[in-house]
All heavy atoms as atom14 arrays in JSON, in Angstrom:
{
  "sequence": "KTKALNNFSFKKTFTQTEEIKAIKIITNFLKLHIKKQVDNGATVIQI",
  "atom14_mask": [
    [1, 1, 1, 1, 1, 1, 1, 1, 1, 0, 0, 0, 0, 0],
    [1, 1, 1, 1, 1, 1, 1, 0, 0, 0, 0, 0, 0, 0],
    [1, 1, 1, 1, 1, 1, 1, 1, 1, 0, 0, 0, 0, 0],
    [1, 1, 1, 1, 1, 0, 0, 0, 0, 0, 0, 0, 0, 0],
    [1, 1, 1, 1, 1, 1, 1, 1, 0, 0, 0, 0, 0, 0],
    [1, 1, 1, 1, 1, 1, 1, 1, 0, 0, 0, 0, 0, 0],
    [1, 1, 1, 1, 1, 1, 1, 1, 0, 0, 0, 0, 0, 0],
    [1, 1, 1, 1, 1, 1, 1, 1, 1, 1, 1, 0, 0, 0],
    [1, 1, 1, 1, 1, 1, 0, 0, 0, 0, 0, 0, 0, 0],
    [1, 1, 1, 1, 1, 1, 1, 1, 1, 1, 1, 0, 0, 0],
    [1, 1, 1, 1, 1, 1, 1, 1, 1, 0, 0, 0, 0, 0],
    [1, 1, 1, 1, 1, 1, 1, 1, 1, 0, 0, 0, 0, 0],
    [1, 1, 1, 1, 1, 1, 1, 0, 0, 0, 0, 0, 0, 0],
    [1, 1, 1, 1, 1, 1, 1, 1, 1, 1, 1, 0, 0, 0],
    [1, 1, 1, 1, 1, 1, 1, 0, 0, 0, 0, 0, 0, 0],
    [1, 1, 1, 1, 1, 1, 1, 1, 1, 0, 0, 0, 0, 0],
    [1, 1, 1, 1, 1, 1, 1, 0, 0, 0, 0, 0, 0, 0],
    [1, 1, 1, 1, 1, 1, 1, 1, 1, 0, 0, 0, 0, 0],
    [1, 1, 1, 1, 1, 1, 1, 1, 1, 0, 0, 0, 0, 0],
    [1, 1, 1, 1, 1, 1, 1, 1, 0, 0, 0, 0, 0, 0],
    [1, 1, 1, 1, 1, 1, 1, 1, 1, 0, 0, 0, 0, 0],
    [1, 1, 1, 1, 1, 0, 0, 0, 0, 0, 0, 0, 0, 0],
    [1, 1, 1, 1, 1, 1, 1, 1, 0, 0, 0, 0, 0, 0],
    [1, 1, 1, 1, 1, 1, 1, 1, 1, 0, 0, 0, 0, 0],
    [1, 1, 1, 1, 1, 1, 1, 1, 0, 0, 0, 0, 0, 0],
    [1, 1, 1, 1, 1, 1, 1, 1, 0, 0, 0, 0, 0, 0],
    [1, 1, 1, 1, 1, 1, 1, 0, 0, 0, 0, 0, 0, 0],
    [1, 1, 1, 1, 1, 1, 1, 1, 0, 0, 0, 0, 0, 0],
    [1, 1, 1, 1, 1, 1, 1, 1, 1, 1, 1, 0, 0, 0],
    [1, 1, 1, 1, 1, 1, 1, 1, 0, 0, 0, 0, 0, 0],
    [1, 1, 1, 1, 1, 1, 1, 1, 1, 0, 0, 0, 0, 0],
    [1, 1, 1, 1, 1, 1, 1, 1, 0, 0, 0, 0, 0, 0],
    [1, 1, 1, 1, 1, 1, 1, 1, 1, 1, 0, 0, 0, 0],
    [1, 1, 1, 1, 1, 1, 1, 1, 0, 0, 0, 0, 0, 0],
    [1, 1, 1, 1, 1, 1, 1, 1, 1, 0, 0, 0, 0, 0],
    [1, 1, 1, 1, 1, 1, 1, 1, 1, 0, 0, 0, 0, 0],
    [1, 1, 1, 1, 1, 1, 1, 1, 1, 0, 0, 0, 0, 0],
    [1, 1, 1, 1, 1, 1, 1, 0, 0, 0, 0, 0, 0, 0],
    [1, 1, 1, 1, 1, 1, 1, 1, 0, 0, 0, 0, 0, 0],
    [1, 1, 1, 1, 1, 1, 1, 1, 0, 0, 0, 0, 0, 0],
    [1, 1, 1, 1, 0, 0, 0, 0, 0, 0, 0, 0, 0, 0],
    [1, 1, 1, 1, 1, 0, 0, 0, 0, 0, 0, 0, 0, 0],
    [1, 1, 1, 1, 1, 1, 1, 0, 0, 0, 0, 0, 0, 0],
    [1, 1, 1, 1, 1, 1, 1, 0, 0, 0, 0, 0, 0, 0],
    [1, 1, 1, 1, 1, 1, 1, 1, 0, 0, 0, 0, 0, 0],
    [1, 1, 1, 1, 1, 1, 1, 1, 1, 0, 0, 0, 0, 0],
    [1, 1, 1, 1, 1, 1, 1, 1, 0, 0, 0, 0, 0, 0]
  ],
  "atom14_positions": [
    [[60.44, 175.56, -36.91], [60.9, 176.43, -35.83], [61.51, 175.67, -34.66], [62.09, 176.25, -33.76], [59.73, 177.29, -35.31], [59.07, 178.15, -36.37], [60.03, 179.17, -36.93], [59.36, 180.02, -38.0], [60.31, 181.0, -38.6], [0.0, 0.0, 0.0], [0.0, 0.0, 0.0], [0.0, 0.0, 0.0], [0.0, 0.0, 0.0], [0.0, 0.0, 0.0]],
    [[61.35, 174.34, -34.65], [61.85, 173.55, -33.52], [62.82, 172.46, -33.95], [63.1, 171.55, -33.2], [60.68, 172.91, -32.75], [59.87, 172.16, -33.69], [59.81, 173.95, -32.09], [0.0, 0.0, 0.0], [0.0, 0.0, 0.0], [0.0, 0.0, 0.0], [0.0, 0.0, 0.0], [0.0, 0.0, 0.0], [0.0, 0.0, 0.0], [0.0, 0.0, 0.0]],
    [[63.31, 172.55, -35.18], [64.27, 171.59, -35.72], [63.72, 170.17, -35.73], [64.46, 169.2, -35.69], [65.59, 171.64, -34.95], [66.28, 172.99, -35.04], [67.6, 172.99, -34.29], [68.29, 174.35, -34.4], [69.55, 174.39, -33.65], [0.0, 0.0, 0.0], [0.0, 0.0, 0.0], [0.0, 0.0, 0.0], [0.0, 0.0, 0.0], [0.0, 0.0, 0.0]],
    [[62.4, 170.04, -35.75], [61.78, 168.71, -35.74], [62.1, 167.93, -37.0], [62.02, 166.72, -37.03], [60.28, 168.82, -35.57], [0.0, 0.0, 0.0], [0.0, 0.0, 0.0], [0.0, 0.0, 0.0], [0.0, 0.0, 0.0], [0.0, 0.0, 0.0], [0.0, 0.0, 0.0], [0.0, 0.0, 0.0], [0.0, 0.0, 0.0], [0.0, 0.0, 0.0]],
    [[62.46, 168.66, -38.07], [62.79, 167.97, -39.31], [64.0, 167.06, -39.13], [64.14, 166.05, -39.79], [63.07, 168.99, -40.43], [61.85, 169.72, -40.98], [62.29, 170.8, -41.95], [60.93, 168.77, -41.69], [0.0, 0.0, 0.0], [0.0, 0.0, 0.0], [0.0, 0.0, 0.0], [0.0, 0.0, 0.0], [0.0, 0.0, 0.0], [0.0, 0.0, 0.0]],
    [[64.87, 167.43, -38.22], [66.08, 166.65, -38.01], [65.97, 165.63, -36.88], [66.42, 164.51, -37.0], [67.27, 167.59, -37.72], [67.57, 168.49, -38.9], [67.48, 168.07, -40.04], [67.91, 169.74, -38.62], [0.0, 0.0, 0.0], [0.0, 0.0, 0.0], [0.0, 0.0, 0.0], [0.0, 0.0, 0.0], [0.0, 0.0, 0.0], [0.0, 0.0, 0.0]],
    [[65.35, 166.05, -35.78], [65.34, 165.15, -34.62], [63.96, 164.75, -34.14], [63.83, 164.05, -33.15], [66.12, 165.77, -33.46], [65.54, 167.11, -33.03], [64.37, 167.38, -33.26], [66.36, 167.95, -32.42], [0.0, 0.0, 0.0], [0.0, 0.0, 0.0], [0.0, 0.0, 0.0], [0.0, 0.0, 0.0], [0.0, 0.0, 0.0], [0.0, 0.0, 0.0]],
    [[62.93, 165.23, -34.85], [61.55, 164.86, -34.52], [61.23, 165.12, -33.05], [60.62, 164.34, -32.36], [61.33, 163.38, -34.87], [59.87, 163.03, -35.07], [59.12, 163.75, -35.96], [59.28, 161.99, -34.39], [57.78, 163.44, -36.16], [57.94, 161.67, -34.58], [57.2, 162.4, -35.47], [0.0, 0.0, 0.0], [0.0, 0.0, 0.0], [0.0, 0.0, 0.0]],
    [[61.71, 166.25, -32.56], [61.51, 166.62, -31.16], [60.37, 167.62, -31.04], [60.51, 168.79, -31.4], [62.8, 167.21, -30.59], [62.59, 167.68, -29.29], [0.0, 0.0, 0.0], [0.0, 0.0, 0.0], [0.0, 0.0, 0.0], [0.0, 0.0, 0.0], [0.0, 0.0, 0.0], [0.0, 0.0, 0.0], [0.0, 0.0, 0.0], [0.0, 0.0, 0.0]],
    [[59.24, 167.17, -30.55], [58.08, 168.03, -30.41], [57.91, 168.52, -28.98], [58.39, 167.92, -28.03], [56.8, 167.27, -30.78], [56.63, 167.02, -32.24], [56.51, 165.75, -32.74], [56.58, 168.08, -33.13], [56.34, 165.52, -34.08], [56.41, 167.87, -34.48], [56.29, 166.58, -34.95], [0.0, 0.0, 0.0], [0.0, 0.0, 0.0], [0.0, 0.0, 0.0]],
    [[57.18, 169.64, -28.87], [56.65, 169.99, -27.56], [55.52, 168.99, -27.31], [54.49, 169.04, -27.97], [56.05, 171.4, -27.6], [57.03, 172.53, -27.82], [56.25, 173.83, -27.93], [57.17, 175.0, -28.2], [56.42, 176.25, -28.38], [0.0, 0.0, 0.0], [0.0, 0.0, 0.0], [0.0, 0.0, 0.0], [0.0, 0.0, 0.0], [0.0, 0.0, 0.0]],
    [[55.7, 168.08, -26.4], [54.7, 167.03, -26.22], [53.43, 167.58, -25.57], [53.43, 168.04, -24.45], [55.27, 165.88, -25.38], [56.39, 165.11, -26.04], [55.97, 164.46, -27.34], [55.09, 163.25, -27.11], [54.78, 162.56, -28.39], [0.0, 0.0, 0.0], [0.0, 0.0, 0.0], [0.0, 0.0, 0.0], [0.0, 0.0, 0.0], [0.0, 0.0, 0.0]],
    [[52.37, 167.51, -26.3], [51.06, 167.9, -25.8], [50.24, 166.67, -25.43], [49.54, 166.64, -24.43], [50.3, 168.72, -26.87], [51.03, 169.91, -27.13], [48.9, 169.08, -26.4], [0.0, 0.0, 0.0], [0.0, 0.0, 0.0], [0.0, 0.0, 0.0], [0.0, 0.0, 0.0], [0.0, 0.0, 0.0], [0.0, 0.0, 0.0], [0.0, 0.0, 0.0]],
    [[50.36, 165.62, -26.26], [49.61, 164.39, -26.03], [50.56, 163.24, -25.7], [51.7, 163.19, -26.19], [48.81, 164.01, -27.28], [47.92, 165.09, -27.81], [48.14, 165.67, -29.05], [46.86, 165.56, -27.05], [47.33, 166.67, -29.55], [46.04, 166.56, -27.54], [46.27, 167.12, -28.79], [0.0, 0.0, 0.0], [0.0, 0.0, 0.0], [0.0, 0.0, 0.0]],
    [[50.1, 162.3, -24.9], [50.83, 161.05, -24.71], [50.64, 160.2, -25.96], [49.83, 160.53, -26.83], [50.29, 160.28, -23.49], [48.93, 159.89, -23.76], [50.34, 161.13, -22.22], [0.0, 0.0, 0.0], [0.0, 0.0, 0.0], [0.0, 0.0, 0.0], [0.0, 0.0, 0.0], [0.0, 0.0, 0.0], [0.0, 0.0, 0.0], [0.0, 0.0, 0.0]],
    [[51.37, 159.09, -26.06], [51.23, 158.21, -27.23], [49.79, 157.71, -27.37], [49.25, 157.63, -28.48], [52.19, 157.03, -27.13], [53.62, 157.37, -27.54], [54.49, 156.14, -27.65], [54.44, 155.25, -26.8], [55.3, 156.09, -28.69], [0.0, 0.0, 0.0], [0.0, 0.0, 0.0], [0.0, 0.0, 0.0], [0.0, 0.0, 0.0], [0.0, 0.0, 0.0]],
    [[49.18, 157.35, -26.27], [47.79, 156.88, -26.3], [46.87, 158.0, -26.74], [45.94, 157.79, -27.53], [47.35, 156.39, -24.91], [48.23, 155.35, -24.49], [45.93, 155.84, -24.94], [0.0, 0.0, 0.0], [0.0, 0.0, 0.0], [0.0, 0.0, 0.0], [0.0, 0.0, 0.0], [0.0, 0.0, 0.0], [0.0, 0.0, 0.0], [0.0, 0.0, 0.0]],
    [[47.12, 159.22, -26.27], [46.28, 160.35, -26.61], [46.44, 160.75, -28.08], [45.51, 161.29, -28.68], [46.61, 161.54, -25.7], [46.09, 161.39, -24.29], [46.49, 162.55, -23.4], [47.53, 163.19, -23.69], [45.76, 162.83, -22.44], [0.0, 0.0, 0.0], [0.0, 0.0, 0.0], [0.0, 0.0, 0.0], [0.0, 0.0, 0.0], [0.0, 0.0, 0.0]],
    [[47.63, 160.5, -28.65], [47.84, 160.83, -30.07], [46.84, 160.1, -30.96], [46.3, 160.67, -31.9], [49.27, 160.48, -30.49], [50.3, 161.48, -30.02], [51.7, 161.12, -30.46], [51.91, 159.99, -30.96], [52.61, 161.96, -30.31], [0.0, 0.0, 0.0], [0.0, 0.0, 0.0], [0.0, 0.0, 0.0], [0.0, 0.0, 0.0], [0.0, 0.0, 0.0]],
    [[46.6, 158.82, -30.67], [45.64, 158.04, -31.46], [44.23, 158.6, -31.27], [43.46, 158.73, -32.24], [45.69, 156.55, -31.06], [47.08, 155.97, -31.34], [44.62, 155.76, -31.81], [47.49, 156.03, -32.79], [0.0, 0.0, 0.0], [0.0, 0.0, 0.0], [0.0, 0.0, 0.0], [0.0, 0.0, 0.0], [0.0, 0.0, 0.0], [0.0, 0.0, 0.0]],
    [[43.89, 158.96, -30.04], [42.57, 159.54, -29.78], [42.43, 160.88, -30.5], [41.39, 161.18, -31.07], [42.38, 159.76, -28.27], [42.25, 158.47, -27.47], [42.08, 158.78, -25.99], [41.97, 157.5, -25.17], [41.86, 157.79, -23.71], [0.0, 0.0, 0.0], [0.0, 0.0, 0.0], [0.0, 0.0, 0.0], [0.0, 0.0, 0.0], [0.0, 0.0, 0.0]],
    [[43.52, 161.67, -30.47], [43.5, 162.97, -31.13], [43.32, 162.83, -32.64], [42.55, 163.57, -33.26], [44.78, 163.74, -30.82], [0.0, 0.0, 0.0], [0.0, 0.0, 0.0], [0.0, 0.0, 0.0], [0.0, 0.0, 0.0], [0.0, 0.0, 0.0], [0.0, 0.0, 0.0], [0.0, 0.0, 0.0], [0.0, 0.0, 0.0], [0.0, 0.0, 0.0]],
    [[44.01, 161.86, -33.23], [43.89, 161.61, -34.67], [42.45, 161.27, -35.04], [41.91, 161.74, -36.05], [44.84, 160.48, -35.12], [46.25, 160.99, -35.29], [44.36, 159.85, -36.42], [46.53, 161.77, -36.57], [0.0, 0.0, 0.0], [0.0, 0.0, 0.0], [0.0, 0.0, 0.0], [0.0, 0.0, 0.0], [0.0, 0.0, 0.0], [0.0, 0.0, 0.0]],
    [[41.8, 160.47, -34.22], [40.41, 160.07, -34.49], [39.47, 161.27, -34.41], [38.58, 161.44, -35.25], [39.96, 158.99, -33.5], [40.61, 157.63, -33.75], [40.12, 156.59, -32.75], [40.76, 155.23, -33.04], [40.35, 154.2, -32.05], [0.0, 0.0, 0.0], [0.0, 0.0, 0.0], [0.0, 0.0, 0.0], [0.0, 0.0, 0.0], [0.0, 0.0, 0.0]],
    [[39.68, 162.11, -33.39], [38.84, 163.3, -33.26], [39.07, 164.24, -34.43], [38.12, 164.74, -35.05], [39.15, 164.04, -31.92], [38.75, 163.17, -30.73], [38.42, 165.39, -31.88], [39.22, 163.71, -29.39], [0.0, 0.0, 0.0], [0.0, 0.0, 0.0], [0.0, 0.0, 0.0], [0.0, 0.0, 0.0], [0.0, 0.0, 0.0], [0.0, 0.0, 0.0]],
    [[40.34, 164.46, -34.76], [40.69, 165.33, -35.88], [40.06, 164.82, -37.18], [39.47, 165.59, -37.95], [42.22, 165.44, -36.03], [42.81, 166.23, -34.86], [42.6, 166.09, -37.36], [44.32, 166.12, -34.73], [0.0, 0.0, 0.0], [0.0, 0.0, 0.0], [0.0, 0.0, 0.0], [0.0, 0.0, 0.0], [0.0, 0.0, 0.0], [0.0, 0.0, 0.0]],
    [[40.17, 163.52, -37.42], [39.64, 162.92, -38.65], [38.13, 163.12, -38.75], [37.6, 163.47, -39.81], [39.98, 161.42, -38.72], [41.41, 161.26, -38.67], [39.46, 160.79, -40.0], [0.0, 0.0, 0.0], [0.0, 0.0, 0.0], [0.0, 0.0, 0.0], [0.0, 0.0, 0.0], [0.0, 0.0, 0.0], [0.0, 0.0, 0.0], [0.0, 0.0, 0.0]],
    [[37.43, 162.92, -37.65], [35.97, 163.08, -37.66], [35.57, 164.52, -37.96], [34.62, 164.76, -38.72], [35.38, 162.63, -36.33], [35.37, 161.11, -36.18], [35.32, 160.4, -37.18], [35.42, 160.63, -34.95], [0.0, 0.0, 0.0], [0.0, 0.0, 0.0], [0.0, 0.0, 0.0], [0.0, 0.0, 0.0], [0.0, 0.0, 0.0], [0.0, 0.0, 0.0]],
    [[36.3, 165.47, -37.4], [35.95, 166.88, -37.66], [36.41, 167.32, -39.04], [35.8, 168.21, -39.64], [36.52, 167.78, -36.56], [35.65, 167.84, -35.34], [35.9, 167.04, -34.24], [34.54, 168.68, -35.3], [35.08, 167.08, -33.12], [33.71, 168.74, -34.19], [33.99, 167.92, -33.09], [0.0, 0.0, 0.0], [0.0, 0.0, 0.0], [0.0, 0.0, 0.0]],
    [[37.46, 166.7, -39.55], [37.86, 166.98, -40.93], [36.77, 166.53, -41.91], [36.51, 167.2, -42.92], [39.19, 166.29, -41.27], [40.44, 166.96, -40.7], [41.66, 166.06, -40.92], [40.67, 168.33, -41.34], [0.0, 0.0, 0.0], [0.0, 0.0, 0.0], [0.0, 0.0, 0.0], [0.0, 0.0, 0.0], [0.0, 0.0, 0.0], [0.0, 0.0, 0.0]],
    [[36.14, 165.42, -41.63], [35.03, 164.95, -42.47], [33.91, 165.99, -42.49], [33.36, 166.31, -43.54], [34.49, 163.62, -41.94], [35.39, 162.42, -42.17], [34.74, 161.18, -41.59], [35.62, 159.95, -41.77], [35.01, 158.75, -41.15], [0.0, 0.0, 0.0], [0.0, 0.0, 0.0], [0.0, 0.0, 0.0], [0.0, 0.0, 0.0], [0.0, 0.0, 0.0]],
    [[33.6, 166.51, -41.32], [32.56, 167.54, -41.23], [32.99, 168.78, -42.01], [32.2, 169.38, -42.75], [32.3, 167.89, -39.77], [31.3, 169.02, -39.51], [29.94, 168.7, -40.09], [31.2, 169.3, -38.01], [0.0, 0.0, 0.0], [0.0, 0.0, 0.0], [0.0, 0.0, 0.0], [0.0, 0.0, 0.0], [0.0, 0.0, 0.0], [0.0, 0.0, 0.0]],
    [[34.25, 169.16, -41.86], [34.77, 170.34, -42.55], [34.72, 170.16, -44.07], [34.37, 171.08, -44.81], [36.22, 170.58, -42.09], [36.78, 171.91, -42.47], [36.02, 173.06, -42.59], [38.06, 172.28, -42.76], [36.81, 174.07, -42.93], [38.05, 173.63, -43.06], [0.0, 0.0, 0.0], [0.0, 0.0, 0.0], [0.0, 0.0, 0.0], [0.0, 0.0, 0.0]],
    [[35.04, 168.96, -44.53], [34.96, 168.65, -45.96], [33.51, 168.73, -46.44], [33.21, 169.34, -47.48], [35.55, 167.25, -46.26], [37.08, 167.28, -46.1], [35.17, 166.78, -47.67], [37.72, 165.9, -46.12], [0.0, 0.0, 0.0], [0.0, 0.0, 0.0], [0.0, 0.0, 0.0], [0.0, 0.0, 0.0], [0.0, 0.0, 0.0], [0.0, 0.0, 0.0]],
    [[32.61, 168.1, -45.69], [31.2, 168.08, -46.1], [30.62, 169.49, -46.19], [29.9, 169.83, -47.14], [30.36, 167.24, -45.14], [28.92, 167.05, -45.64], [28.12, 166.13, -44.75], [26.78, 165.77, -45.41], [25.98, 166.96, -45.81], [0.0, 0.0, 0.0], [0.0, 0.0, 0.0], [0.0, 0.0, 0.0], [0.0, 0.0, 0.0], [0.0, 0.0, 0.0]],
    [[30.95, 170.32, -45.21], [30.45, 171.69, -45.21], [30.97, 172.46, -46.42], [30.24, 173.28, -47.01], [30.86, 172.4, -43.92], [30.11, 171.93, -42.68], [28.67, 172.43, -42.69], [27.96, 172.08, -41.4], [26.56, 172.59, -41.4], [0.0, 0.0, 0.0], [0.0, 0.0, 0.0], [0.0, 0.0, 0.0], [0.0, 0.0, 0.0], [0.0, 0.0, 0.0]],
    [[32.21, 172.2, -46.81], [32.77, 172.87, -47.98], [32.08, 172.4, -49.26], [31.74, 173.2, -50.14], [34.28, 172.63, -48.06], [35.06, 173.33, -46.95], [36.56, 173.14, -47.09], [37.19, 173.71, -47.97], [37.14, 172.33, -46.21], [0.0, 0.0, 0.0], [0.0, 0.0, 0.0], [0.0, 0.0, 0.0], [0.0, 0.0, 0.0], [0.0, 0.0, 0.0]],
    [[31.87, 171.09, -49.36], [31.18, 170.55, -50.55], [29.74, 171.04, -50.6], [29.24, 171.44, -51.67], [31.24, 169.0, -50.54], [30.36, 168.42, -51.65], [32.68, 168.52, -50.7], [0.0, 0.0, 0.0], [0.0, 0.0, 0.0], [0.0, 0.0, 0.0], [0.0, 0.0, 0.0], [0.0, 0.0, 0.0], [0.0, 0.0, 0.0], [0.0, 0.0, 0.0]],
    [[29.07, 171.05, -49.47], [27.68, 171.53, -49.42], [27.56, 172.99, -49.86], [26.49, 173.43, -50.3], [27.12, 171.38, -48.01], [26.81, 169.94, -47.64], [26.81, 169.09, -48.55], [26.58, 169.67, -46.44], [0.0, 0.0, 0.0], [0.0, 0.0, 0.0], [0.0, 0.0, 0.0], [0.0, 0.0, 0.0], [0.0, 0.0, 0.0], [0.0, 0.0, 0.0]],
    [[28.65, 173.73, -49.72], [28.61, 175.16, -50.05], [29.34, 175.5, -51.34], [29.66, 176.66, -51.58], [29.16, 175.97, -48.88], [28.16, 176.09, -47.75], [27.25, 176.9, -47.8], [28.3, 175.23, -46.75], [0.0, 0.0, 0.0], [0.0, 0.0, 0.0], [0.0, 0.0, 0.0], [0.0, 0.0, 0.0], [0.0, 0.0, 0.0], [0.0, 0.0, 0.0]],
    [[29.57, 174.48, -52.18], [30.04, 174.78, -53.53], [31.4, 174.28, -53.94], [31.78, 174.42, -55.1], [0.0, 0.0, 0.0], [0.0, 0.0, 0.0], [0.0, 0.0, 0.0], [0.0, 0.0, 0.0], [0.0, 0.0, 0.0], [0.0, 0.0, 0.0], [0.0, 0.0, 0.0], [0.0, 0.0, 0.0], [0.0, 0.0, 0.0], [0.0, 0.0, 0.0]],
    [[32.17, 173.7, -53.02], [33.47, 173.16, -53.42], [33.26, 171.98, -54.36], [32.48, 171.06, -54.06], [34.26, 172.71, -52.19], [0.0, 0.0, 0.0], [0.0, 0.0, 0.0], [0.0, 0.0, 0.0], [0.0, 0.0, 0.0], [0.0, 0.0, 0.0], [0.0, 0.0, 0.0], [0.0, 0.0, 0.0], [0.0, 0.0, 0.0], [0.0, 0.0, 0.0]],
    [[33.94, 171.99, -55.5], [33.76, 170.93, -56.49], [34.94, 169.96, -56.53], [34.87, 168.92, -57.19], [33.56, 171.53, -57.9], [34.72, 172.33, -58.24], [32.32, 172.39, -57.95], [0.0, 0.0, 0.0], [0.0, 0.0, 0.0], [0.0, 0.0, 0.0], [0.0, 0.0, 0.0], [0.0, 0.0, 0.0], [0.0, 0.0, 0.0], [0.0, 0.0, 0.0]],
    [[36.02, 170.31, -55.85], [37.18, 169.45, -55.69], [37.71, 169.68, -54.28], [37.63, 170.8, -53.76], [38.3, 169.8, -56.7], [39.56, 168.96, -56.44], [37.84, 169.61, -58.13], [0.0, 0.0, 0.0], [0.0, 0.0, 0.0], [0.0, 0.0, 0.0], [0.0, 0.0, 0.0], [0.0, 0.0, 0.0], [0.0, 0.0, 0.0], [0.0, 0.0, 0.0]],
    [[38.22, 168.62, -53.66], [38.83, 168.75, -52.33], [40.3, 168.33, -52.43], [40.62, 167.29, -53.01], [38.13, 167.88, -51.27], [36.71, 168.4, -51.0], [38.94, 167.84, -49.97], [36.62, 169.76, -50.32], [0.0, 0.0, 0.0], [0.0, 0.0, 0.0], [0.0, 0.0, 0.0], [0.0, 0.0, 0.0], [0.0, 0.0, 0.0], [0.0, 0.0, 0.0]],
    [[41.19, 169.16, -51.87], [42.6, 168.76, -51.77], [42.95, 168.56, -50.3], [42.6, 169.37, -49.45], [43.54, 169.78, -52.4], [45.01, 169.41, -52.22], [45.91, 169.85, -53.36], [45.56, 169.71, -54.53], [47.08, 170.36, -53.02], [0.0, 0.0, 0.0], [0.0, 0.0, 0.0], [0.0, 0.0, 0.0], [0.0, 0.0, 0.0], [0.0, 0.0, 0.0]],
    [[43.67, 167.47, -50.03], [44.11, 167.14, -48.67], [45.62, 167.37, -48.6], [46.39, 166.71, -49.3], [43.77, 165.69, -48.3], [42.25, 165.47, -48.38], [44.28, 165.36, -46.9], [41.82, 164.0, -48.23], [0.0, 0.0, 0.0], [0.0, 0.0, 0.0], [0.0, 0.0, 0.0], [0.0, 0.0, 0.0], [0.0, 0.0, 0.0], [0.0, 0.0, 0.0]]
  ]
}
């Protein structure tokens, strides 16, 4: 919707430093999300 495929122009929400912090937070919560799915019966996970 923002033609980012061509010019990689995002609505900037995070600074470059914050992007790394955001990735770390996201990754940690994704681990929790995966574990909760496996604990409740998921037998395969797709990323």
